[in-house]
Amino acid sequence: MRENGRLLVDMLCVLAIIGVLSVGVIAGYSKAMFKYKLNKQTEQVSTVLNNALLYVGEFNTSPGSIISPLIKLGAILENMIHGTNDNPTLFDVFNNRLNVNYYIDGNSRFYAIQYVIDNSDYNLDICRNIVTAVKENAADLWLINMYKTEDGATNIEGLTYGDRYCNPSDPDKPCLRHMGIMEIDNFCHYCQQDKCYLGILFGYNG
């Protein structure tokens, strides 16, 4: 009986160790998958933005979405394209939607990528990742901003400008290129607990 009891205790110890190791493996796998998705998202954001910048001036006949023309030009990664041929939509690896539009506002002519960040578990990390990726194109952008409504008409915050429009000595014209970790966190604060909208504007002529 004593031998059997010791075997039972040993077995329970082994099962406990296996359980602890399993939790560690699952946590490590989840972390690795999240890192993979962040890297994939960086690739997706950079591809859309770089190709949109490449074709600036090609879609200025009338305001509206330029997703379909970009798809026809092969400028969008296939794994981002959803919907129908007549009404395509773009989603990233975290299932966040992207809109790409051309606007006319008075004398201003510009393009905007609107990023709808709606993955509640990782909103802040996703926003940080997008801003970090977008910084690489600071020389070609007008500005980035953050807002809480999809039409972008209210609660606009975080206006941060590309190289040609910023002024390091003017607090109202901060430079995208100079954003550090603290500035990015302040910019992304809307995303911490709720859906948020990140605007990336370029081709400004006003």
Protein backbone atom coordinates (compact mmCIF):
# COMPACT_ATOMS: atom_id res chain seq x y z
CA MET A 1 0.00 0.00 0.00
CA ARG A 2 2.83 2.35 0.89
CA GLU A 3 4.46 1.61 -2.49
CA ASN A 4 1.21 2.31 -4.30
CA GLY A 5 0.76 5.53 -2.36
CA ARG A 6 4.24 6.72 -3.31
CA LEU A 7 3.56 5.92 -6.97
CA LEU A 8 0.34 7.93 -6.84
CA VAL A 9 2.16 10.92 -5.34
CA ASP A 10 4.91 10.64 -7.97
CA MET A 11 2.31 10.49 -10.73
CA LEU A 12 0.53 13.57 -9.39
CA CYS A 13 3.86 15.44 -9.25
CA VAL A 14 4.61 14.49 -12.85
CA LEU A 15 1.15 15.63 -13.96
CA ALA A 16 1.61 18.93 -12.10
CA ILE A 17 4.96 19.50 -13.81
CA ILE A 18 3.44 18.69 -17.21
CA GLY A 19 0.62 21.13 -16.50
CA VAL A 20 3.04 23.94 -15.63
CA LEU A 21 5.15 23.24 -18.70
CA SER A 22 2.04 23.18 -20.91
CA VAL A 23 0.96 26.61 -19.64
CA GLY A 24 4.43 27.96 -20.41
CA VAL A 25 4.44 26.47 -23.90
CA ILE A 26 0.97 27.88 -24.67
CA ALA A 27 1.95 31.33 -23.38
CA GLY A 28 5.16 31.26 -25.42
CA TYR A 29 3.27 30.16 -28.54
CA SER A 30 0.67 32.93 -28.08
CA LYS A 31 3.42 35.53 -27.70
CA ALA A 32 5.23 34.25 -30.79
CA MET A 33 2.00 34.28 -32.84
CA PHE A 34 1.24 37.84 -31.75
CA LYS A 35 4.75 38.92 -32.75
CA TYR A 36 4.29 37.19 -36.10
CA LYS A 37 1.00 39.02 -36.65
CA LEU A 38 2.58 42.37 -35.78
CA ASN A 39 5.31 41.73 -38.35
CA LYS A 40 2.68 40.70 -40.91
CA GLN A 41 0.68 43.83 -40.17
CA THR A 42 3.79 45.98 -40.70
CA GLU A 43 4.21 44.37 -44.12
CA GLN A 44 0.55 44.99 -44.98
CA VAL A 45 0.51 48.62 -43.84
CA SER A 46 3.80 49.39 -45.60
CA THR A 47 2.64 47.77 -48.85
CA VAL A 48 -0.63 49.70 -48.98
CA LEU A 49 1.01 53.00 -48.07
CA ASN A 50 4.05 52.67 -50.34
CA ASN A 51 1.93 51.67 -53.33
CA ALA A 52 -0.63 54.40 -52.67
CA LEU A 53 2.20 56.94 -52.52
CA LEU A 54 3.59 55.53 -55.76
CA TYR A 55 0.33 56.24 -57.57
CA VAL A 56 -0.41 59.67 -56.05
CA GLY A 57 -2.12 61.77 -58.72
CA GLU A 58 -3.53 58.82 -60.64
CA PHE A 59 -6.99 58.78 -59.01
CA ASN A 60 -7.94 62.44 -58.71
CA THR A 61 -10.85 62.54 -61.14
CA SER A 62 -13.48 62.48 -58.38
CA PRO A 63 -13.54 62.02 -54.60
CA GLY A 64 -14.13 58.58 -53.16
CA SER A 65 -12.55 55.21 -52.54
CA ILE A 66 -9.47 54.25 -54.56
CA ILE A 67 -9.35 50.65 -53.30
CA SER A 68 -10.60 49.15 -56.58
CA PRO A 69 -8.04 51.01 -58.74
CA LEU A 70 -5.24 49.99 -56.38
CA ILE A 71 -6.35 46.35 -56.57
CA LYS A 72 -6.41 46.49 -60.38
CA LEU A 73 -2.85 47.83 -60.31
CA GLY A 74 -1.78 44.91 -58.11
CA ALA A 75 -0.92 47.33 -55.32
CA ILE A 76 -2.77 45.45 -52.55
CA LEU A 77 -1.71 42.15 -50.99
CA GLU A 78 -4.19 39.38 -51.87
CA ASN A 79 -4.62 38.33 -48.23
CA MET A 80 -6.04 41.77 -47.41
CA ILE A 81 -8.81 41.80 -50.02
CA HIS A 82 -12.35 40.83 -48.99
CA GLY A 83 -15.86 41.56 -50.22
CA THR A 84 -16.79 41.49 -53.89
CA ASN A 85 -15.11 42.74 -57.06
CA ASP A 86 -17.65 45.57 -57.22
CA ASN A 87 -17.32 46.47 -53.55
CA PRO A 88 -13.95 45.30 -52.21
CA THR A 89 -12.90 45.90 -48.62
CA LEU A 90 -9.48 45.67 -47.00
CA PHE A 91 -8.66 44.00 -43.68
CA ASP A 92 -5.31 43.42 -42.00
CA VAL A 93 -4.11 40.28 -40.22
CA PHE A 94 -5.89 41.42 -37.00
CA ASN A 95 -9.17 41.86 -38.93
CA ASN A 96 -9.01 45.66 -38.73
CA ARG A 97 -10.50 47.50 -41.72
CA LEU A 98 -8.64 49.94 -43.95
CA ASN A 99 -10.29 52.57 -46.13
CA VAL A 100 -8.29 54.36 -48.84
CA ASN A 101 -9.93 57.52 -50.20
CA TYR A 102 -9.30 60.58 -52.33
CA TYR A 103 -10.66 63.88 -50.98
CA ILE A 104 -11.32 67.38 -52.27
CA ASP A 105 -11.78 70.00 -49.54
CA GLY A 106 -11.78 73.54 -50.90
CA ASN A 107 -8.34 74.05 -52.42
CA SER A 108 -6.98 70.94 -50.75
CA ARG A 109 -6.50 67.70 -52.67
CA PHE A 110 -5.31 64.73 -50.66
CA TYR A 111 -5.46 60.99 -50.09
CA ALA A 112 -6.18 59.32 -46.78
CA ILE A 113 -5.78 55.82 -45.42
CA GLN A 114 -8.23 55.39 -42.57
CA TYR A 115 -7.31 52.58 -40.23
CA VAL A 116 -10.24 51.28 -38.12
CA ILE A 117 -8.59 49.68 -35.06
CA ASP A 118 -11.17 47.40 -33.50
CA ASN A 119 -9.37 44.46 -31.92
CA SER A 120 -10.15 45.15 -28.28
CA ASP A 121 -7.48 42.85 -26.84
CA TYR A 122 -4.57 44.48 -28.65
CA ASN A 123 -5.73 47.95 -29.81
CA LEU A 124 -2.89 49.87 -28.18
CA ASP A 125 -0.19 47.49 -29.43
CA ILE A 126 -1.68 47.56 -32.93
CA CYS A 127 -1.80 51.36 -32.99
CA ARG A 128 1.83 51.57 -31.83
CA ASN A 129 2.84 49.13 -34.55
CA ILE A 130 1.07 51.09 -37.30
CA VAL A 131 2.56 54.43 -36.25
CA THR A 132 6.04 52.90 -36.06
CA ALA A 133 5.64 51.49 -39.58
CA VAL A 134 4.23 54.76 -40.95
CA LYS A 135 7.17 56.78 -39.56
CA GLU A 136 9.33 55.25 -42.30
CA ASN A 137 7.40 57.38 -44.82
CA ALA A 138 7.57 60.66 -42.89
CA ALA A 139 9.21 62.38 -45.87
CA ASP A 140 6.19 61.70 -48.10
CA LEU A 141 3.25 62.27 -45.73
CA TRP A 142 1.20 65.33 -44.89
CA LEU A 143 0.08 64.21 -41.44
CA ILE A 144 -1.36 61.47 -39.26
CA ASN A 145 -4.21 61.98 -36.80
CA MET A 146 -6.46 60.12 -34.40
CA TYR A 147 -10.23 60.42 -33.95
CA LYS A 148 -13.16 58.56 -32.39
CA THR A 149 -15.82 58.78 -35.11
CA GLU A 150 -15.59 57.17 -38.53
CA ASP A 151 -16.39 60.36 -40.46
CA GLY A 152 -13.35 61.97 -38.82
CA ALA A 153 -15.29 65.16 -38.16
CA THR A 154 -15.06 65.19 -34.36
CA ASN A 155 -12.57 64.47 -31.61
CA ILE A 156 -9.60 64.90 -33.93
CA GLU A 157 -6.40 64.66 -31.92
CA GLY A 158 -2.73 63.92 -32.23
CA LEU A 159 -2.07 65.88 -35.43
CA THR A 160 1.52 64.98 -36.28
CA TYR A 161 3.10 66.15 -39.51
CA GLY A 162 5.42 64.81 -42.19
CA ASP A 163 8.81 66.35 -42.89
CA ARG A 164 7.61 69.12 -45.22
CA TYR A 165 4.83 70.34 -42.93
CA CYS A 166 6.17 69.94 -39.40
CA ASN A 167 8.07 72.46 -37.29
CA PRO A 168 10.16 71.07 -34.41
CA SER A 169 9.99 74.44 -32.61
CA ASP A 170 6.18 74.70 -32.87
CA PRO A 171 4.24 72.45 -30.41
CA ASP A 172 1.23 72.62 -32.77
CA LYS A 173 3.29 71.19 -35.66
CA PRO A 174 5.09 68.16 -34.17
CA CYS A 175 7.15 65.98 -36.51
CA LEU A 176 6.18 62.39 -37.24
CA ARG A 177 9.82 61.47 -37.71
CA HIS A 178 10.65 62.57 -34.16
CA MET A 179 7.93 60.55 -32.41
CA GLY A 180 9.36 58.42 -29.60
CA ILE A 181 7.71 55.76 -27.48
CA MET A 182 6.01 58.29 -25.18
CA GLU A 183 4.70 60.39 -28.08
CA ILE A 184 3.35 57.30 -29.84
CA ASP A 185 1.59 56.16 -26.64
CA ASN A 186 0.02 59.62 -26.22
CA PHE A 187 -1.08 59.56 -29.86
CA CYS A 188 -2.64 56.11 -29.45
CA HIS A 189 -4.41 56.76 -26.13
CA TYR A 190 -7.88 56.61 -27.73
CA CYS A 191 -7.18 53.00 -28.63
CA GLN A 192 -6.41 51.85 -25.12
CA GLN A 193 -9.98 50.88 -24.21
CA ASP A 194 -12.12 51.42 -27.29
CA LYS A 195 -12.35 51.35 -31.08
CA CYS A 196 -10.34 54.15 -32.67
CA TYR A 197 -9.64 55.59 -36.09
CA LEU A 198 -6.14 56.42 -37.31
CA GLY A 199 -5.81 58.67 -40.34
CA ILE A 200 -2.75 58.74 -42.63
CA LEU A 201 -2.93 61.68 -45.07
CA PHE A 202 -0.68 62.40 -48.05
CA GLY A 203 -0.59 64.10 -51.45
CA TYR A 204 -1.64 67.36 -49.77
CA ASN A 205 -2.01 70.34 -52.09
CA GLY A 206 -3.73 73.23 -50.36
